[in-house]
PDB file of all heavy atoms in Angstrom:
ATOM      1  N   GLN A   1      59.299  92.623  74.350  1.00  0.00           N
ATOM      2  CA  GLN A   1      57.854  92.379  74.315  1.00  0.00           C
ATOM      3  C   GLN A   1      57.470  91.551  73.081  1.00  0.00           C
ATOM      4  O   GLN A   1      56.643  90.636  73.164  1.00  0.00           O
ATOM      5  CB  GLN A   1      57.118  93.715  74.309  1.00  0.00           C
ATOM      6  CG  GLN A   1      55.627  93.603  74.519  1.00  0.00           C
ATOM      7  CD  GLN A   1      54.967  94.958  74.678  1.00  0.00           C
ATOM      8  OE1 GLN A   1      55.605  95.994  74.531  1.00  0.00           O
ATOM      9  NE2 GLN A   1      53.681  94.956  74.976  1.00  0.00           N
ATOM     10  N   PHE A   2      58.085  91.855  71.950  1.00  0.00           N
ATOM     11  CA  PHE A   2      57.773  91.174  70.689  1.00  0.00           C
ATOM     12  C   PHE A   2      58.029  89.674  70.780  1.00  0.00           C
ATOM     13  O   PHE A   2      57.228  88.853  70.322  1.00  0.00           O
ATOM     14  CB  PHE A   2      58.608  91.782  69.567  1.00  0.00           C
ATOM     15  CG  PHE A   2      58.432  91.124  68.221  1.00  0.00           C
ATOM     16  CD1 PHE A   2      57.347  91.440  67.415  1.00  0.00           C
ATOM     17  CD2 PHE A   2      59.352  90.185  67.757  1.00  0.00           C
ATOM     18  CE1 PHE A   2      57.179  90.838  66.167  1.00  0.00           C
ATOM     19  CE2 PHE A   2      59.190  89.583  66.521  1.00  0.00           C
ATOM     20  CZ  PHE A   2      58.099  89.906  65.722  1.00  0.00           C
ATOM     21  N   TYR A   3      59.157  89.292  71.394  1.00  0.00           N
ATOM     22  CA  TYR A   3      59.533  87.882  71.418  1.00  0.00           C
ATOM     23  C   TYR A   3      58.894  87.096  72.558  1.00  0.00           C
ATOM     24  O   TYR A   3      59.172  85.908  72.722  1.00  0.00           O
ATOM     25  CB  TYR A   3      61.060  87.736  71.470  1.00  0.00           C
ATOM     26  CG  TYR A   3      61.712  88.095  70.153  1.00  0.00           C
ATOM     27  CD1 TYR A   3      62.430  89.276  70.009  1.00  0.00           C
ATOM     28  CD2 TYR A   3      61.584  87.264  69.044  1.00  0.00           C
ATOM     29  CE1 TYR A   3      63.008  89.625  68.790  1.00  0.00           C
ATOM     30  CE2 TYR A   3      62.157  87.586  67.831  1.00  0.00           C
ATOM     31  CZ  TYR A   3      62.865  88.768  67.704  1.00  0.00           C
ATOM     32  OH  TYR A   3      63.427  89.108  66.496  1.00  0.00           O
ATOM     33  N   GLN A   4      58.033  87.730  73.340  1.00  0.00           N
ATOM     34  CA  GLN A   4      57.348  87.023  74.420  1.00  0.00           C
ATOM     35  C   GLN A   4      56.271  86.079  73.892  1.00  0.00           C
ATOM     36  O   GLN A   4      55.970  85.062  74.512  1.00  0.00           O
ATOM     37  CB  GLN A   4      56.710  88.023  75.393  1.00  0.00           C
ATOM     38  CG  GLN A   4      57.710  88.660  76.353  1.00  0.00           C
ATOM     39  CD  GLN A   4      57.067  89.698  77.244  1.00  0.00           C
ATOM     40  OE1 GLN A   4      55.879  89.985  77.122  1.00  0.00           O
ATOM     41  NE2 GLN A   4      57.857  90.282  78.135  1.00  0.00           N
ATOM     42  N   SER A   5      55.690  86.405  72.733  1.00  0.00           N
ATOM     43  CA  SER A   5      54.618  85.565  72.192  1.00  0.00           C
ATOM     44  C   SER A   5      55.179  84.338  71.488  1.00  0.00           C
ATOM     45  O   SER A   5      56.262  84.383  70.893  1.00  0.00           O
ATOM     46  CB  SER A   5      53.762  86.367  71.202  1.00  0.00           C
ATOM     47  OG  SER A   5      54.483  86.632  70.025  1.00  0.00           O
ATOM     48  N   GLU A   6      54.457  83.244  71.550  1.00  0.00           N
ATOM     49  CA  GLU A   6      54.880  81.992  70.912  1.00  0.00           C
ATOM     50  C   GLU A   6      54.968  82.153  69.400  1.00  0.00           C
ATOM     51  O   GLU A   6      55.813  81.549  68.741  1.00  0.00           O
ATOM     52  CB  GLU A   6      53.892  80.880  71.270  1.00  0.00           C
ATOM     53  CG  GLU A   6      54.371  79.503  70.876  1.00  0.00           C
ATOM     54  CD  GLU A   6      53.444  78.407  71.383  1.00  0.00           C
ATOM     55  OE1 GLU A   6      52.846  78.579  72.464  1.00  0.00           O
ATOM     56  OE2 GLU A   6      53.317  77.395  70.679  1.00  0.00           O
ATOM     57  N   GLU A   7      54.124  83.000  68.865  1.00  0.00           N
ATOM     58  CA  GLU A   7      54.106  83.256  67.416  1.00  0.00           C
ATOM     59  C   GLU A   7      55.437  83.832  66.931  1.00  0.00           C
ATOM     60  O   GLU A   7      55.878  83.546  65.817  1.00  0.00           O
ATOM     61  CB  GLU A   7      52.976  84.234  67.095  1.00  0.00           C
ATOM     62  CG  GLU A   7      52.855  84.582  65.616  1.00  0.00           C
ATOM     63  CD  GLU A   7      51.818  85.667  65.376  1.00  0.00           C
ATOM     64  OE1 GLU A   7      51.100  86.036  66.326  1.00  0.00           O
ATOM     65  OE2 GLU A   7      51.735  86.143  64.237  1.00  0.00           O
ATOM     66  N   ASN A   8      56.080  84.628  67.779  1.00  0.00           N
ATOM     67  CA  ASN A   8      57.335  85.272  67.405  1.00  0.00           C
ATOM     68  C   ASN A   8      58.561  84.621  68.054  1.00  0.00           C
ATOM     69  O   ASN A   8      59.612  85.256  68.170  1.00  0.00           O
ATOM     70  CB  ASN A   8      57.297  86.755  67.791  1.00  0.00           C
ATOM     71  CG  ASN A   8      56.195  87.498  67.073  1.00  0.00           C
ATOM     72  OD1 ASN A   8      55.948  87.274  65.895  1.00  0.00           O
ATOM     73  ND2 ASN A   8      55.501  88.375  67.799  1.00  0.00           N
ATOM     74  N   ALA A   9      58.409  83.370  68.468  1.00  0.00           N
ATOM     75  CA  ALA A   9      59.538  82.668  69.101  1.00  0.00           C
ATOM     76  C   ALA A   9      60.756  82.695  68.184  1.00  0.00           C
ATOM     77  O   ALA A   9      60.634  82.471  66.970  1.00  0.00           O
ATOM     78  CB  ALA A   9      59.139  81.229  69.404  1.00  0.00           C
ATOM     79  N   PRO A  10      61.941  83.014  68.721  1.00  0.00           N
ATOM     80  CA  PRO A  10      63.140  83.144  67.886  1.00  0.00           C
ATOM     81  C   PRO A  10      63.492  81.871  67.122  1.00  0.00           C
ATOM     82  O   PRO A  10      63.471  80.779  67.685  1.00  0.00           O
ATOM     83  CB  PRO A  10      64.236  83.475  68.907  1.00  0.00           C
ATOM     84  CG  PRO A  10      63.517  84.046  70.074  1.00  0.00           C
ATOM     85  CD  PRO A  10      62.216  83.330  70.129  1.00  0.00           C
ATOM     86  N   ARG A  11      63.789  82.047  65.845  1.00  0.00           N
ATOM     87  CA  ARG A  11      64.256  80.953  64.988  1.00  0.00           C
ATOM     88  C   ARG A  11      65.337  81.506  64.073  1.00  0.00           C
ATOM     89  O   ARG A  11      65.202  82.607  63.561  1.00  0.00           O
ATOM     90  CB  ARG A  11      63.109  80.380  64.153  1.00  0.00           C
ATOM     91  CG  ARG A  11      61.989  79.748  64.964  1.00  0.00           C
ATOM     92  CD  ARG A  11      60.869  79.247  64.064  1.00  0.00           C
ATOM     93  NE  ARG A  11      59.757  78.688  64.829  1.00  0.00           N
ATOM     94  CZ  ARG A  11      58.759  79.389  65.330  1.00  0.00           C
ATOM     95  NH1 ARG A  11      58.729  80.715  65.134  1.00  0.00           N
ATOM     96  NH2 ARG A  11      57.801  78.822  66.034  1.00  0.00           N
ATOM     97  N   GLY A  12      66.386  80.747  63.852  1.00  0.00           N
ATOM     98  CA  GLY A  12      67.457  81.195  62.967  1.00  0.00           C
ATOM     99  C   GLY A  12      68.575  81.878  63.736  1.00  0.00           C
ATOM    100  O   GLY A  12      68.598  81.899  64.961  1.00  0.00           O
ATOM    101  N   GLU A  13      69.504  82.448  62.994  1.00  0.00           N
ATOM    102  CA  GLU A  13      70.660  83.122  63.589  1.00  0.00           C
ATOM    103  C   GLU A  13      70.449  84.632  63.568  1.00  0.00           C
ATOM    104  O   GLU A  13      69.926  85.177  62.589  1.00  0.00           O
ATOM    105  CB  GLU A  13      71.935  82.756  62.820  1.00  0.00           C
ATOM    106  CG  GLU A  13      72.258  81.263  62.845  1.00  0.00           C
ATOM    107  CD  GLU A  13      72.463  80.729  64.247  1.00  0.00           C
ATOM    108  OE1 GLU A  13      73.142  81.415  65.048  1.00  0.00           O
ATOM    109  OE2 GLU A  13      71.941  79.638  64.566  1.00  0.00           O
ATOM    110  N   TYR A  14      70.912  85.297  64.617  1.00  0.00           N
ATOM    111  CA  TYR A  14      70.647  86.728  64.774  1.00  0.00           C
ATOM    112  C   TYR A  14      71.938  87.544  64.937  1.00  0.00           C
ATOM    113  O   TYR A  14      72.926  87.059  65.497  1.00  0.00           O
ATOM    114  CB  TYR A  14      69.781  86.978  66.014  1.00  0.00           C
ATOM    115  CG  TYR A  14      68.378  86.425  65.890  1.00  0.00           C
ATOM    116  CD1 TYR A  14      68.117  85.086  66.160  1.00  0.00           C
ATOM    117  CD2 TYR A  14      67.320  87.234  65.490  1.00  0.00           C
ATOM    118  CE1 TYR A  14      66.827  84.571  66.046  1.00  0.00           C
ATOM    119  CE2 TYR A  14      66.032  86.734  65.374  1.00  0.00           C
ATOM    120  CZ  TYR A  14      65.795  85.400  65.651  1.00  0.00           C
ATOM    121  OH  TYR A  14      64.530  84.890  65.535  1.00  0.00           O
ATOM    122  N   VAL A  15      71.863  88.782  64.448  1.00  0.00           N
ATOM    123  CA  VAL A  15      72.891  89.777  64.739  1.00  0.00           C
ATOM    124  C   VAL A  15      72.168  90.994  65.304  1.00  0.00           C
ATOM    125  O   VAL A  15      71.209  91.488  64.700  1.00  0.00           O
ATOM    126  CB  VAL A  15      73.695  90.183  63.484  1.00  0.00           C
ATOM    127  CG1 VAL A  15      74.798  91.187  63.873  1.00  0.00           C
ATOM    128  CG2 VAL A  15      74.311  88.967  62.803  1.00  0.00           C
ATOM    129  N   LEU A  16      72.594  91.455  66.461  1.00  0.00           N
ATOM    130  CA  LEU A  16      71.996  92.635  67.092  1.00  0.00           C
ATOM    131  C   LEU A  16      72.911  93.833  66.856  1.00  0.00           C
ATOM    132  O   LEU A  16      74.102  93.781  67.165  1.00  0.00           O
ATOM    133  CB  LEU A  16      71.833  92.412  68.600  1.00  0.00           C
ATOM    134  CG  LEU A  16      71.124  91.125  69.032  1.00  0.00           C
ATOM    135  CD1 LEU A  16      71.042  91.055  70.554  1.00  0.00           C
ATOM    136  CD2 LEU A  16      69.742  91.028  68.411  1.00  0.00           C
ATOM    137  N   VAL A  17      72.346  94.901  66.299  1.00  0.00           N
ATOM    138  CA  VAL A  17      73.111  96.137  66.061  1.00  0.00           C
ATOM    139  C   VAL A  17      72.487  97.196  66.965  1.00  0.00           C
ATOM    140  O   VAL A  17      71.347  97.622  66.746  1.00  0.00           O
ATOM    141  CB  VAL A  17      73.056  96.550  64.584  1.00  0.00           C
ATOM    142  CG1 VAL A  17      73.945  97.772  64.346  1.00  0.00           C
ATOM    143  CG2 VAL A  17      73.511  95.391  63.676  1.00  0.00           C
ATOM    144  N   ILE A  18      73.231  97.595  67.982  1.00  0.00           N
ATOM    145  CA  ILE A  18      72.684  98.424  69.065  1.00  0.00           C
ATOM    146  C   ILE A  18      73.307  99.815  69.038  1.00  0.00           C
ATOM    147  O   ILE A  18      74.537  99.964  68.969  1.00  0.00           O
ATOM    148  CB  ILE A  18      72.971  97.764  70.430  1.00  0.00           C
ATOM    149  CG1 ILE A  18      72.491  96.315  70.420  1.00  0.00           C
ATOM    150  CG2 ILE A  18      72.327  98.549  71.561  1.00  0.00           C
ATOM    151  CD1 ILE A  18      73.109  95.460  71.493  1.00  0.00           C
ATOM    152  N   ALA A  19      72.463 100.824  69.097  1.00  0.00           N
ATOM    153  CA  ALA A  19      72.951 102.204  69.114  1.00  0.00           C
ATOM    154  C   ALA A  19      73.787 102.454  70.357  1.00  0.00           C
ATOM    155  O   ALA A  19      73.506 101.930  71.438  1.00  0.00           O
ATOM    156  CB  ALA A  19      71.764 103.177  69.083  1.00  0.00           C
ATOM    157  N   GLY A  20      74.848 103.254  70.212  1.00  0.00           N
ATOM    158  CA  GLY A  20      75.657 103.627  71.358  1.00  0.00           C
ATOM    159  C   GLY A  20      74.955 104.700  72.186  1.00  0.00           C
ATOM    160  O   GLY A  20      73.912 105.225  71.794  1.00  0.00           O
ATOM    161  N   LYS A  21      75.529 105.018  73.327  1.00  0.00           N
ATOM    162  CA  LYS A  21      74.969 106.059  74.184  1.00  0.00           C
ATOM    163  C   LYS A  21      75.036 107.394  73.451  1.00  0.00           C
ATOM    164  O   LYS A  21      76.074 107.744  72.878  1.00  0.00           O
ATOM    165  CB  LYS A  21      75.758 106.121  75.499  1.00  0.00           C
ATOM    166  CG  LYS A  21      75.246 107.152  76.472  1.00  0.00           C
ATOM    167  CD  LYS A  21      75.985 107.076  77.795  1.00  0.00           C
ATOM    168  CE  LYS A  21      75.504 105.896  78.614  1.00  0.00           C
ATOM    169  NZ  LYS A  21      76.091 105.910  79.983  1.00  0.00           N
ATOM    170  N   SER A  22      73.963 108.135  73.463  1.00  0.00           N
ATOM    171  CA  SER A  22      73.887 109.387  72.711  1.00  0.00           C
ATOM    172  C   SER A  22      74.569 110.530  73.458  1.00  0.00           C
ATOM    173  O   SER A  22      74.795 110.467  74.672  1.00  0.00           O
ATOM    174  CB  SER A  22      72.423 109.765  72.458  1.00  0.00           C
ATOM    175  OG  SER A  22      71.788 110.101  73.681  1.00  0.00           O
ATOM    176  N   GLU A  23      74.863 111.612  72.711  1.00  0.00           N
ATOM    177  CA  GLU A  23      75.450 112.805  73.314  1.00  0.00           C
ATOM    178  C   GLU A  23      74.514 113.389  74.370  1.00  0.00           C
ATOM    179  O   GLU A  23      74.957 113.903  75.404  1.00  0.00           O
ATOM    180  CB  GLU A  23      75.735 113.859  72.235  1.00  0.00           C
ATOM    181  CG  GLU A  23      76.865 113.485  71.287  1.00  0.00           C
ATOM    182  CD  GLU A  23      78.205 113.363  72.009  1.00  0.00           C
ATOM    183  OE1 GLU A  23      78.439 114.160  72.950  1.00  0.00           O
ATOM    184  OE2 GLU A  23      79.000 112.483  71.649  1.00  0.00           O
ATOM    185  N   GLU A  24      73.205 113.315  74.107  1.00  0.00           N
ATOM    186  CA  GLU A  24      72.221 113.833  75.060  1.00  0.00           C
ATOM    187  C   GLU A  24      72.290 113.084  76.391  1.00  0.00           C
ATOM    188  O   GLU A  24      72.231 113.695  77.464  1.00  0.00           O
ATOM    189  CB  GLU A  24      70.805 113.710  74.483  1.00  0.00           C
ATOM    190  CG  GLU A  24      70.498 114.617  73.300  1.00  0.00           C
ATOM    191  CD  GLU A  24      71.124 114.133  71.998  1.00  0.00           C
ATOM    192  OE1 GLU A  24      71.545 112.949  71.947  1.00  0.00           O
ATOM    193  OE2 GLU A  24      71.184 114.921  71.044  1.00  0.00           O
ATOM    194  N   GLU A  25      72.440 111.748  76.294  1.00  0.00           N
ATOM    195  CA  GLU A  25      72.558 110.955  77.519  1.00  0.00           C
ATOM    196  C   GLU A  25      73.823 111.306  78.288  1.00  0.00           C
ATOM    197  O   GLU A  25      73.818 111.399  79.522  1.00  0.00           O
ATOM    198  CB  GLU A  25      72.564 109.468  77.179  1.00  0.00           C
ATOM    199  CG  GLU A  25      71.223 108.899  76.750  1.00  0.00           C
ATOM    200  CD  GLU A  25      71.324 107.438  76.374  1.00  0.00           C
ATOM    201  OE1 GLU A  25      71.897 107.135  75.309  1.00  0.00           O
ATOM    202  OE2 GLU A  25      70.848 106.608  77.155  1.00  0.00           O
ATOM    203  N   LEU A  26      74.926 111.496  77.556  1.00  0.00           N
ATOM    204  CA  LEU A  26      76.185 111.855  78.202  1.00  0.00           C
ATOM    205  C   LEU A  26      76.079 113.199  78.907  1.00  0.00           C
ATOM    206  O   LEU A  26      76.558 113.369  80.033  1.00  0.00           O
ATOM    207  CB  LEU A  26      77.319 111.894  77.163  1.00  0.00           C
ATOM    208  CG  LEU A  26      77.746 110.548  76.571  1.00  0.00           C
ATOM    209  CD1 LEU A  26      78.727 110.773  75.432  1.00  0.00           C
ATOM    210  CD2 LEU A  26      78.376 109.671  77.640  1.00  0.00           C
ATOM    211  N   GLU A  27      75.449 114.162  78.234  1.00  0.00           N
ATOM    212  CA  GLU A  27      75.274 115.489  78.826  1.00  0.00           C
ATOM    213  C   GLU A  27      74.392 115.413  80.072  1.00  0.00           C
ATOM    214  O   GLU A  27      74.650 116.076  81.071  1.00  0.00           O
ATOM    215  CB  GLU A  27      74.647 116.453  77.801  1.00  0.00           C
ATOM    216  CG  GLU A  27      75.590 116.885  76.696  1.00  0.00           C
ATOM    217  CD  GLU A  27      76.786 117.668  77.230  1.00  0.00           C
ATOM    218  OE1 GLU A  27      76.596 118.458  78.179  1.00  0.00           O
ATOM    219  OE2 GLU A  27      77.894 117.474  76.711  1.00  0.00           O
ATOM    220  N   GLN A  28      73.337 114.599  79.990  1.00  0.00           N
ATOM    221  CA  GLN A  28      72.434 114.432  81.127  1.00  0.00           C
ATOM    222  C   GLN A  28      73.172 113.828  82.320  1.00  0.00           C
ATOM    223  O   GLN A  28      73.008 114.268  83.461  1.00  0.00           O
ATOM    224  CB  GLN A  28      71.256 113.541  80.729  1.00  0.00           C
ATOM    225  CG  GLN A  28      70.292 113.198  81.856  1.00  0.00           C
ATOM    226  CD  GLN A  28      69.507 114.401  82.367  1.00  0.00           C
ATOM    227  OE1 GLN A  28      69.524 115.475  81.775  1.00  0.00           O
ATOM    228  NE2 GLN A  28      68.841 114.223  83.496  1.00  0.00           N
ATOM    229  N   GLU A  29      74.000 112.817  82.054  1.00  0.00           N
ATOM    230  CA  GLU A  29      74.765 112.181  83.130  1.00  0.00           C
ATOM    231  C   GLU A  29      75.738 113.172  83.764  1.00  0.00           C
ATOM    232  O   GLU A  29      75.916 113.202  84.981  1.00  0.00           O
ATOM    233  CB  GLU A  29      75.526 110.967  82.588  1.00  0.00           C
ATOM    234  CG  GLU A  29      74.631 109.777  82.309  1.00  0.00           C
ATOM    235  CD  GLU A  29      75.411 108.598  81.781  1.00  0.00           C
ATOM    236  OE1 GLU A  29      76.652 108.703  81.659  1.00  0.00           O
ATOM    237  OE2 GLU A  29      74.789 107.570  81.479  1.00  0.00           O
ATOM    238  N   LYS A  30      76.385 113.977  82.909  1.00  0.00           N
ATOM    239  CA  LYS A  30      77.333 114.968  83.407  1.00  0.00           C
ATOM    240  C   LYS A  30      76.620 115.998  84.279  1.00  0.00           C
ATOM    241  O   LYS A  30      77.106 116.405  85.327  1.00  0.00           O
ATOM    242  CB  LYS A  30      78.030 115.661  82.223  1.00  0.00           C
ATOM    243  CG  LYS A  30      79.262 116.453  82.610  1.00  0.00           C
ATOM    244  CD  LYS A  30      79.919 117.085  81.394  1.00  0.00           C
ATOM    245  CE  LYS A  30      80.648 116.079  80.551  1.00  0.00           C
ATOM    246  NZ  LYS A  30      81.398 116.731  79.444  1.00  0.00           N
ATOM    247  N   ARG A  31      75.409 116.396  83.826  1.00  0.00           N
ATOM    248  CA  ARG A  31      74.632 117.379  84.566  1.00  0.00           C
ATOM    249  C   ARG A  31      74.229 116.833  85.934  1.00  0.00           C
ATOM    250  O   ARG A  31      74.319 117.526  86.944  1.00  0.00           O
ATOM    251  CB  ARG A  31      73.383 117.767  83.758  1.00  0.00           C
ATOM    252  CG  ARG A  31      72.628 118.976  84.311  1.00  0.00           C
ATOM    253  CD  ARG A  31      71.453 119.360  83.422  1.00  0.00           C
ATOM    254  NE  ARG A  31      71.887 119.671  82.068  1.00  0.00           N
ATOM    255  CZ  ARG A  31      71.622 118.948  80.993  1.00  0.00           C
ATOM    256  NH1 ARG A  31      70.907 117.841  81.108  1.00  0.00           N
ATOM    257  NH2 ARG A  31      72.044 119.299  79.800  1.00  0.00           N
ATOM    258  N   LEU A  32      73.818 115.582  85.954  1.00  0.00           N
ATOM    259  CA  LEU A  32      73.411 114.963  87.224  1.00  0.00           C
ATOM    260  C   LEU A  32      74.577 114.861  88.200  1.00  0.00           C
ATOM    261  O   LEU A  32      74.388 114.890  89.414  1.00  0.00           O
ATOM    262  CB  LEU A  32      72.821 113.575  86.969  1.00  0.00           C
ATOM    263  CG  LEU A  32      71.452 113.532  86.290  1.00  0.00           C
ATOM    264  CD1 LEU A  32      71.075 112.100  85.929  1.00  0.00           C
ATOM    265  CD2 LEU A  32      70.382 114.145  87.188  1.00  0.00           C
ATOM    266  N   SER A  33      75.788 114.721  87.647  1.00  0.00           N
ATOM    267  CA  SER A  33      76.966 114.557  88.507  1.00  0.00           C
ATOM    268  C   SER A  33      77.290 115.822  89.291  1.00  0.00           C
ATOM    269  O   SER A  33      77.940 115.769  90.326  1.00  0.00           O
ATOM    270  CB  SER A  33      78.179 114.136  87.671  1.00  0.00           C
ATOM    271  OG  SER A  33      78.634 115.200  86.857  1.00  0.00           O
ATOM    272  N   TRP A  34      76.870 117.024  88.794  1.00  0.00           N
ATOM    273  CA  TRP A  34      77.176 118.263  89.514  1.00  0.00           C
ATOM    274  C   TRP A  34      75.941 119.035  89.965  1.00  0.00           C
ATOM    275  O   TRP A  34      76.039 120.054  90.630  1.00  0.00           O
ATOM    276  CB  TRP A  34      78.054 119.186  88.661  1.00  0.00           C
ATOM    277  CG  TRP A  34      77.514 119.583  87.305  1.00  0.00           C
ATOM    278  CD1 TRP A  34      77.909 119.081  86.106  1.00  0.00           C
ATOM    279  CD2 TRP A  34      76.515 120.572  87.008  1.00  0.00           C
ATOM    280  NE1 TRP A  34      77.216 119.673  85.080  1.00  0.00           N
ATOM    281  CE2 TRP A  34      76.352 120.598  85.603  1.00  0.00           C
ATOM    282  CE3 TRP A  34      75.730 121.427  87.783  1.00  0.00           C
ATOM    283  CZ2 TRP A  34      75.447 121.446  84.967  1.00  0.00           C
ATOM    284  CZ3 TRP A  34      74.828 122.278  87.145  1.00  0.00           C
ATOM    285  CH2 TRP A  34      74.695 122.271  85.752  1.00  0.00           C
ATOM    286  N   GLU A  35      74.763 118.510  89.647  1.00  0.00           N
ATOM    287  CA  GLU A  35      73.531 119.254  89.923  1.00  0.00           C
ATOM    288  C   GLU A  35      73.371 119.622  91.402  1.00  0.00           C
ATOM    289  O   GLU A  35      72.860 120.688  91.753  1.00  0.00           O
ATOM    290  CB  GLU A  35      72.312 118.464  89.454  1.00  0.00           C
ATOM    291  CG  GLU A  35      71.294 119.349  88.752  1.00  0.00           C
ATOM    292  CD  GLU A  35      70.270 118.527  87.973  1.00  0.00           C
ATOM    293  OE1 GLU A  35      69.882 117.452  88.460  1.00  0.00           O
ATOM    294  OE2 GLU A  35      69.867 118.950  86.886  1.00  0.00           O
ATOM    295  N   GLY A  36      73.821 118.761  92.294  1.00  0.00           N
ATOM    296  CA  GLY A  36      73.663 119.040  93.714  1.00  0.00           C
ATOM    297  C   GLY A  36      74.833 119.790  94.328  1.00  0.00           C
ATOM    298  O   GLY A  36      74.881 119.984  95.546  1.00  0.00           O
ATOM    299  N   LEU A  37      75.795 120.205  93.480  1.00  0.00           N
ATOM    300  CA  LEU A  37      76.990 120.887  93.973  1.00  0.00           C
ATOM    301  C   LEU A  37      76.857 122.399  93.831  1.00  0.00           C
ATOM    302  O   LEU A  37      76.233 122.898  92.899  1.00  0.00           O
ATOM    303  CB  LEU A  37      78.230 120.430  93.194  1.00  0.00           C
ATOM    304  CG  LEU A  37      78.564 118.933  93.188  1.00  0.00           C
ATOM    305  CD1 LEU A  37      79.780 118.692  92.304  1.00  0.00           C
ATOM    306  CD2 LEU A  37      78.814 118.416  94.594  1.00  0.00           C
ATOM    307  N   SER A  38      77.504 123.101  94.731  1.00  0.00           N
ATOM    308  CA  SER A  38      77.642 124.549  94.556  1.00  0.00           C
ATOM    309  C   SER A  38      78.694 124.795  93.481  1.00  0.00           C
ATOM    310  O   SER A  38      79.419 123.871  93.084  1.00  0.00           O
ATOM    311  CB  SER A  38      78.087 125.199  95.868  1.00  0.00           C
ATOM    312  OG  SER A  38      79.408 124.780  96.185  1.00  0.00           O
ATOM    313  N   VAL A  39      78.799 126.050  93.011  1.00  0.00           N
ATOM    314  CA  VAL A  39      79.807 126.368  91.995  1.00  0.00           C
ATOM    315  C   VAL A  39      81.203 126.077  92.536  1.00  0.00           C
ATOM    316  O   VAL A  39      82.062 125.524  91.832  1.00  0.00           O
ATOM    317  CB  VAL A  39      79.691 127.848  91.557  1.00  0.00           C
ATOM    318  CG1 VAL A  39      80.827 128.206  90.595  1.00  0.00           C
ATOM    319  CG2 VAL A  39      78.346 128.108  90.893  1.00  0.00           C
ATOM    320  N   GLU A  40      81.444 126.413  93.795  1.00  0.00           N
ATOM    321  CA  GLU A  40      82.754 126.159  94.392  1.00  0.00           C
ATOM    322  C   GLU A  40      83.060 124.670  94.452  1.00  0.00           C
ATOM    323  O   GLU A  40      84.160 124.226  94.118  1.00  0.00           O
ATOM    324  CB  GLU A  40      82.819 126.759  95.798  1.00  0.00           C
ATOM    325  CG  GLU A  40      84.184 126.571  96.454  1.00  0.00           C
ATOM    326  CD  GLU A  40      84.285 127.220  97.820  1.00  0.00           C
ATOM    327  OE1 GLU A  40      83.519 128.170  98.091  1.00  0.00           O
ATOM    328  OE2 GLU A  40      85.138 126.769  98.610  1.00  0.00           O
ATOM    329  N   GLU A  41      82.072 123.865  94.865  1.00  0.00           N
ATOM    330  CA  GLU A  41      82.268 122.414  94.933  1.00  0.00           C
ATOM    331  C   GLU A  41      82.499 121.829  93.538  1.00  0.00           C
ATOM    332  O   GLU A  41      83.294 120.901  93.367  1.00  0.00           O
ATOM    333  CB  GLU A  41      81.050 121.768  95.585  1.00  0.00           C
ATOM    334  CG  GLU A  41      80.938 122.038  97.072  1.00  0.00           C
ATOM    335  CD  GLU A  41      79.607 121.598  97.640  1.00  0.00           C
ATOM    336  OE1 GLU A  41      78.598 121.578  96.892  1.00  0.00           O
ATOM    337  OE2 GLU A  41      79.556 121.282  98.845  1.00  0.00           O
TER     338      GLU A  41
END
């Protein structure tokens, strides 16, 4: 959203430092993978 405006048009060289997937996200994904399963399944 920030770089959509002409005022903030990118200039210069950039390095992007991006956070990795969090433990909470991993747990959520794991939960979704078995949420519809019975205990036996």
